[in-house]
Protein backbone atom coordinates (compact mmCIF):
# COMPACT_ATOMS: atom_id res chain seq x y z
CA UNK A 1 -0.14 0.27 -0.01
CA UNK A 2 2.99 2.28 -1.11
CA UNK A 3 0.41 4.55 -3.34
CA UNK A 4 -2.65 5.88 -2.63
CA UNK A 5 -4.95 7.95 -4.98
CA UNK A 6 -7.19 10.05 -3.75
CA UNK A 7 -9.92 12.03 -6.15
CA UNK A 8 -11.45 15.05 -4.89
CA UNK A 9 -13.79 17.68 -5.98
CA UNK A 10 -13.35 19.42 -2.40
CA UNK A 11 -16.35 18.21 -0.61
CA UNK A 12 -16.84 17.11 2.86
CA UNK A 13 -17.24 13.98 1.37
CA UNK A 14 -13.80 13.74 -0.55
CA UNK A 15 -12.26 15.02 2.48
CA UNK A 16 -13.40 12.07 4.41
CA UNK A 17 -11.82 10.10 2.10
CA UNK A 18 -8.68 11.89 1.94
CA UNK A 19 -8.51 11.89 6.00
CA UNK A 20 -8.73 8.11 5.92
CA UNK A 21 -5.69 8.02 3.27
CA UNK A 22 -3.73 10.31 5.55
CA UNK A 23 -4.09 7.74 8.22
CA UNK A 24 -3.39 5.17 5.96
CA UNK A 25 -0.29 6.88 4.33
CA UNK A 26 1.46 7.80 7.92
CA UNK A 27 0.91 4.06 9.10
CA UNK A 28 2.27 2.35 5.95
CA UNK A 29 4.63 5.53 4.88
CA UNK A 30 2.51 5.80 1.58
CA UNK A 31 2.47 8.20 -1.12
CA UNK A 32 -1.11 10.32 -1.96
CA UNK A 33 -2.12 11.28 -5.12
CA UNK A 34 -4.42 14.01 -4.75
CA UNK A 35 -6.33 14.61 -8.03
CA UNK A 36 -8.76 16.75 -9.29
CA UNK A 37 -10.23 16.28 -12.59
CA UNK A 38 -12.02 19.10 -14.52
CA UNK A 39 -14.94 17.82 -16.81
CA UNK A 40 -14.48 20.75 -19.47
CA UNK A 41 -16.41 20.24 -23.02
CA UNK A 42 -13.43 18.45 -25.62
CA UNK A 43 -13.15 21.65 -27.59
CA UNK A 44 -11.75 23.30 -24.71
CA UNK A 45 -9.51 20.76 -23.40
CA UNK A 46 -7.98 20.63 -27.39
CA UNK A 47 -7.67 24.65 -27.11
CA UNK A 48 -5.99 24.14 -23.56
CA UNK A 49 -3.44 21.64 -24.61
CA UNK A 50 -2.32 23.68 -27.52
CA UNK A 51 -1.41 26.20 -25.17
CA UNK A 52 -4.04 28.58 -25.89
CA UNK A 53 -4.84 31.52 -23.31
CA UNK A 54 -8.67 30.02 -22.98
CA UNK A 55 -9.96 32.30 -20.26
CA UNK A 56 -12.56 29.34 -18.68
CA UNK A 57 -10.11 26.76 -18.71
CA UNK A 58 -7.59 28.80 -17.46
CA UNK A 59 -9.81 30.20 -14.69
CA UNK A 60 -10.90 27.01 -13.42
CA UNK A 61 -7.46 25.72 -13.33
CA UNK A 62 -6.00 28.35 -11.30
CA UNK A 63 -9.00 27.95 -8.74
CA UNK A 64 -8.06 24.07 -8.44
CA UNK A 65 -4.27 25.19 -7.64
CA UNK A 66 -5.91 27.69 -4.96
CA UNK A 67 -8.53 24.76 -3.37
CA UNK A 68 -5.20 22.60 -3.62
CA UNK A 69 -3.33 25.01 -1.25
CA UNK A 70 -5.85 25.20 1.30
CA UNK A 71 -5.96 21.35 1.28
CA UNK A 72 -2.49 20.65 1.65
CA UNK A 73 -2.17 23.09 4.47
CA UNK A 74 -4.08 20.78 6.55
CA UNK A 75 -2.69 19.44 9.56
CA UNK A 76 -3.77 15.76 8.83
CA UNK A 77 -1.42 15.79 5.95
CA UNK A 78 1.81 17.02 7.80
CA UNK A 79 4.83 14.95 6.98
CA UNK A 80 3.03 13.10 4.07
CA UNK A 81 4.54 13.22 0.37
CA UNK A 82 1.22 14.50 -1.55
CA UNK A 83 1.38 14.99 -5.09
CA UNK A 84 -0.99 17.36 -6.82
CA UNK A 85 -2.55 16.95 -10.19
CA UNK A 86 -5.31 18.66 -12.07
CA UNK A 87 -6.49 17.12 -15.36
CA UNK A 88 -9.16 17.21 -18.07
CA UNK A 89 -11.14 14.08 -18.54
CA UNK A 90 -14.38 12.40 -17.44
CA UNK A 91 -14.07 12.04 -13.96
CA UNK A 92 -14.66 8.06 -13.81
CA UNK A 93 -12.28 7.24 -16.78
CA UNK A 94 -10.00 9.88 -15.73
CA UNK A 95 -9.76 8.46 -12.23
CA UNK A 96 -8.96 4.91 -13.63
CA UNK A 97 -6.35 6.54 -15.98
CA UNK A 98 -4.67 8.41 -13.31
CA UNK A 99 -4.15 5.16 -11.28
CA UNK A 100 -2.65 3.33 -14.20
CA UNK A 101 -0.06 6.06 -14.77
CA UNK A 102 0.99 6.09 -11.30
CA UNK A 103 0.74 2.49 -10.72
CA UNK A 104 -1.13 3.07 -7.48
CA UNK A 105 -2.31 0.27 -5.10
CA UNK A 106 -5.74 1.69 -3.59
CA UNK A 107 -8.27 4.33 -4.88
CA UNK A 108 -9.94 5.92 -1.95
CA UNK A 109 -12.84 7.80 -2.43
CA UNK A 110 -15.69 9.59 -0.57
CA UNK A 111 -19.41 9.21 -1.31
CA UNK A 112 -22.79 10.25 0.22
CA UNK A 113 -24.04 7.53 -2.46
CA UNK A 114 -27.12 7.73 -5.31
CA UNK A 115 -30.68 6.69 -5.03
CA UNK A 116 -33.84 6.45 -6.70
CA UNK A 117 -33.93 7.78 -10.32
CA UNK A 118 -30.43 9.21 -10.21
CA UNK A 119 -29.22 5.70 -8.87
CA UNK A 120 -30.65 4.27 -11.97
CA UNK A 121 -29.97 6.51 -14.87
CA UNK A 122 -27.04 8.47 -13.82
CA UNK A 123 -25.14 7.08 -10.90
CA UNK A 124 -22.41 8.37 -8.88
CA UNK A 125 -18.76 8.87 -10.27
CA UNK A 126 -17.58 6.67 -7.06
CA UNK A 127 -19.90 3.86 -8.60
CA UNK A 128 -18.67 4.62 -12.16
CA UNK A 129 -14.82 4.45 -10.75
CA UNK A 130 -15.70 0.94 -8.99
CA UNK A 131 -16.88 -0.25 -12.00
CA UNK A 132 -13.79 0.68 -14.25
CA UNK A 133 -10.86 0.24 -11.72
CA UNK A 134 -8.66 -2.33 -12.05
CA UNK A 135 -6.93 -1.77 -8.41
CA UNK A 136 -9.00 -2.05 -5.20
CA UNK A 137 -11.49 1.38 -4.43
CA UNK A 138 -12.05 1.78 -0.87
CA UNK A 139 -15.33 3.83 -0.59
CA UNK A 140 -15.78 6.25 2.55
CA UNK A 141 -19.23 7.34 3.59
CA UNK A 142 -18.26 9.18 7.20
CA UNK A 143 -15.46 10.58 8.97
CA UNK A 144 -13.30 8.15 10.32
CA UNK A 145 -11.16 10.09 12.93
CA UNK A 146 -9.25 6.46 13.95
CA UNK A 147 -9.79 4.50 10.47
CA UNK A 148 -8.98 0.81 12.34
CA UNK A 149 -10.64 -2.48 10.75
CA UNK A 150 -10.95 -5.73 12.76
CA UNK A 151 -13.92 -7.31 11.69
CA UNK A 152 -13.90 -7.03 7.68
CA UNK A 153 -16.95 -9.06 5.70
CA UNK A 154 -15.73 -10.48 2.51
CA UNK A 155 -18.95 -11.42 0.25
CA UNK A 156 -18.90 -13.73 -2.40
CA UNK A 157 -20.86 -16.49 -4.12
CA UNK A 158 -17.61 -18.39 -4.20
CA UNK A 159 -18.36 -19.63 -7.69
CA UNK A 160 -18.06 -16.91 -10.11
CA UNK A 161 -15.73 -14.82 -8.24
CA UNK A 162 -12.04 -14.94 -9.05
CA UNK A 163 -9.58 -16.33 -6.21
CA UNK A 164 -7.39 -13.34 -7.31
CA UNK A 165 -10.09 -10.87 -5.45
CA UNK A 166 -10.05 -13.22 -2.31
CA UNK A 167 -5.84 -12.85 -2.24
CA UNK A 168 -6.14 -8.96 -2.38
CA UNK A 169 -8.99 -9.16 0.47
CA UNK A 170 -6.36 -11.13 2.59
CA UNK A 171 -3.88 -8.62 1.86
CA UNK A 172 -6.05 -5.80 3.27
CA UNK A 173 -6.91 -8.07 6.40
CA UNK A 174 -3.14 -8.43 6.80
CA UNK A 175 -1.93 -5.03 6.85
CA UNK A 176 -4.82 -3.99 9.40
CA UNK A 177 -4.43 -7.05 11.46
CA UNK A 178 -8.32 -8.21 10.85
CA UNK A 179 -10.78 -10.93 10.76
CA UNK A 180 -12.60 -11.81 7.57
CA UNK A 181 -15.90 -12.80 7.89
CA UNK A 182 -16.47 -15.07 4.58
CA UNK A 183 -20.02 -14.47 3.80
CA UNK A 184 -22.50 -16.26 1.57
CA UNK A 185 -26.01 -14.98 1.34
CA UNK A 186 -28.99 -17.53 0.64
CA UNK A 187 -31.97 -16.53 -0.98
CA UNK A 188 -35.33 -18.36 -1.93
CA UNK A 189 -34.10 -18.04 -5.83
CA UNK A 190 -30.95 -19.36 -5.36
CA UNK A 191 -30.89 -21.89 -2.30
CA UNK A 192 -27.95 -23.63 -1.40
CA UNK A 193 -27.93 -26.33 1.73
CA UNK A 194 -25.27 -24.84 4.72
CA UNK A 195 -23.48 -28.13 3.75
CA UNK A 196 -22.97 -27.43 -0.12
CA UNK A 197 -22.11 -23.80 0.73
CA UNK A 198 -19.49 -24.56 3.22
CA UNK A 199 -17.85 -26.98 1.07
CA UNK A 200 -18.01 -24.73 -1.72
CA UNK A 201 -16.15 -21.97 0.59
CA UNK A 202 -13.55 -24.20 1.70
CA UNK A 203 -12.57 -25.34 -1.88
CA UNK A 204 -12.69 -21.51 -2.54
CA UNK A 205 -10.19 -20.66 -0.08
CA UNK A 206 -8.05 -23.73 -0.37
CA UNK A 207 -4.46 -22.71 -1.19
CA UNK A 208 -4.48 -19.57 0.73
CA UNK A 209 -2.42 -19.50 3.78
CA UNK A 210 -4.72 -16.71 5.57
CA UNK A 211 -6.05 -18.12 8.61
CA UNK A 212 -7.99 -15.58 10.67
CA UNK A 213 -11.32 -16.08 9.46
CA UNK A 214 -14.95 -17.16 9.93
CA UNK A 215 -17.33 -18.88 7.56
CA UNK A 216 -20.67 -17.74 7.41
CA UNK A 217 -24.16 -18.40 5.78
CA UNK A 218 -26.47 -15.98 6.17
CA UNK A 219 -30.34 -16.12 4.71
CA UNK A 220 -32.35 -13.13 3.57
CA UNK A 221 -34.89 -11.75 0.97
CA UNK A 222 -31.79 -10.60 -1.48
CA UNK A 223 -28.13 -10.61 -1.58
CA UNK A 224 -27.66 -6.81 -0.86
CA UNK A 225 -29.74 -7.19 2.25
CA UNK A 226 -28.22 -9.98 3.33
CA UNK A 227 -24.55 -8.42 3.17
CA UNK A 228 -25.85 -5.10 5.32
CA UNK A 229 -27.85 -7.53 7.97
CA UNK A 230 -25.14 -9.55 8.64
CA UNK A 231 -22.47 -6.73 8.69
CA UNK A 232 -24.65 -4.93 11.05
CA UNK A 233 -25.07 -7.92 13.57
CA UNK A 234 -21.34 -8.34 13.88
CA UNK A 235 -20.78 -4.69 13.79
CA UNK A 236 -18.21 -5.08 10.71
CA UNK A 237 -15.81 -1.99 10.08
CA UNK A 238 -15.47 -3.15 6.44
CA UNK A 239 -17.45 -4.86 3.55
CA UNK A 240 -15.53 -6.20 0.95
CA UNK A 241 -16.90 -7.42 -2.39
CA UNK A 242 -16.03 -8.48 -5.85
CA UNK A 243 -17.19 -6.47 -9.11
CA UNK A 244 -17.55 -7.92 -12.50
CA UNK A 245 -17.00 -4.29 -14.02
CA UNK A 246 -20.09 -4.56 -16.30
CA UNK A 247 -20.56 -1.56 -18.83
CA UNK A 248 -23.19 -0.46 -21.17
CA UNK A 249 -26.41 -2.32 -21.50
CA UNK A 250 -24.99 -5.39 -19.99
CA UNK A 251 -24.91 -3.43 -16.43
CA UNK A 252 -28.39 -1.43 -17.03
CA UNK A 253 -29.96 -5.36 -17.38
CA UNK A 254 -28.11 -7.10 -14.82
CA UNK A 255 -27.12 -4.39 -12.37
CA UNK A 256 -24.33 -4.68 -9.79
CA UNK A 257 -24.55 -6.08 -6.27
CA UNK A 258 -21.14 -4.21 -5.33
CA UNK A 259 -22.20 -0.86 -6.72
CA UNK A 260 -25.85 -1.05 -4.90
CA UNK A 261 -23.45 -1.56 -1.62
CA UNK A 262 -21.39 1.49 -2.31
CA UNK A 263 -24.59 3.74 -2.77
CA UNK A 264 -26.62 2.05 -0.03
CA UNK A 265 -23.96 0.72 2.58
CA UNK A 266 -23.06 3.30 5.62
CA UNK A 267 -20.09 1.35 6.53
CA UNK A 268 -16.72 1.55 4.38
CA UNK A 269 -16.91 -0.81 1.15
CA UNK A 270 -13.84 -2.00 -0.49
CA UNK A 271 -14.46 -3.43 -4.26
CA UNK A 272 -12.07 -5.83 -5.89
CA UNK A 273 -11.98 -6.39 -9.97
CA UNK A 274 -12.74 -9.62 -11.15
């Protein structure tokens, strides 16, 4: 966890994410890449890239740098190496591109969630990053004065998910010295006996040397409710889940449990790309 990317729109939610990133950076001697993406029309971006003195673009660039100065002066960032970056791109794709360019290990984003009509047809930028990012994305909803992870729920069907996502989850657990609660949610439409479910989970984690875990089968109306209810029952500090990264019509038709959790969970959620 040497390089952490924190996208910011200078909102309270973004600062909550930056405060968590600062805690992790101090603990693991990490660098923070703090990035702000200006969403300008393509014609203006082209004009700016050709060194044109485009008034609107120059104004927003200077405004962003002024806000960066204010943020970087915060006490909680003292002693941390922070890279400032202002770029022009669509927020969700630009963040993923920035993560690849800088070889970051983790993206931390603030979110207040999206619900109702907005959730269905627009979605939040955080949700879009979750869908496109190749590296784990940690979504923060609230301020955490002490970001400690002791109880970590890793939810999966343990059938279609890649074992690589569980490996990434165990690395996070080791970093925090946390216990992983392996969770499979049973629903009426997709029911599996406890014996078969436990056997499937055991096969899924076979070969991984991580031993600080529990196996849990939970029944509920749907998977999302089951994950949220179980996490509440053990007072989990973090929920982890894999995402298939569906886009376009496939995403609209199939949806994504990971993105629903990002929108609806009150607890921090970390997603791993399959």
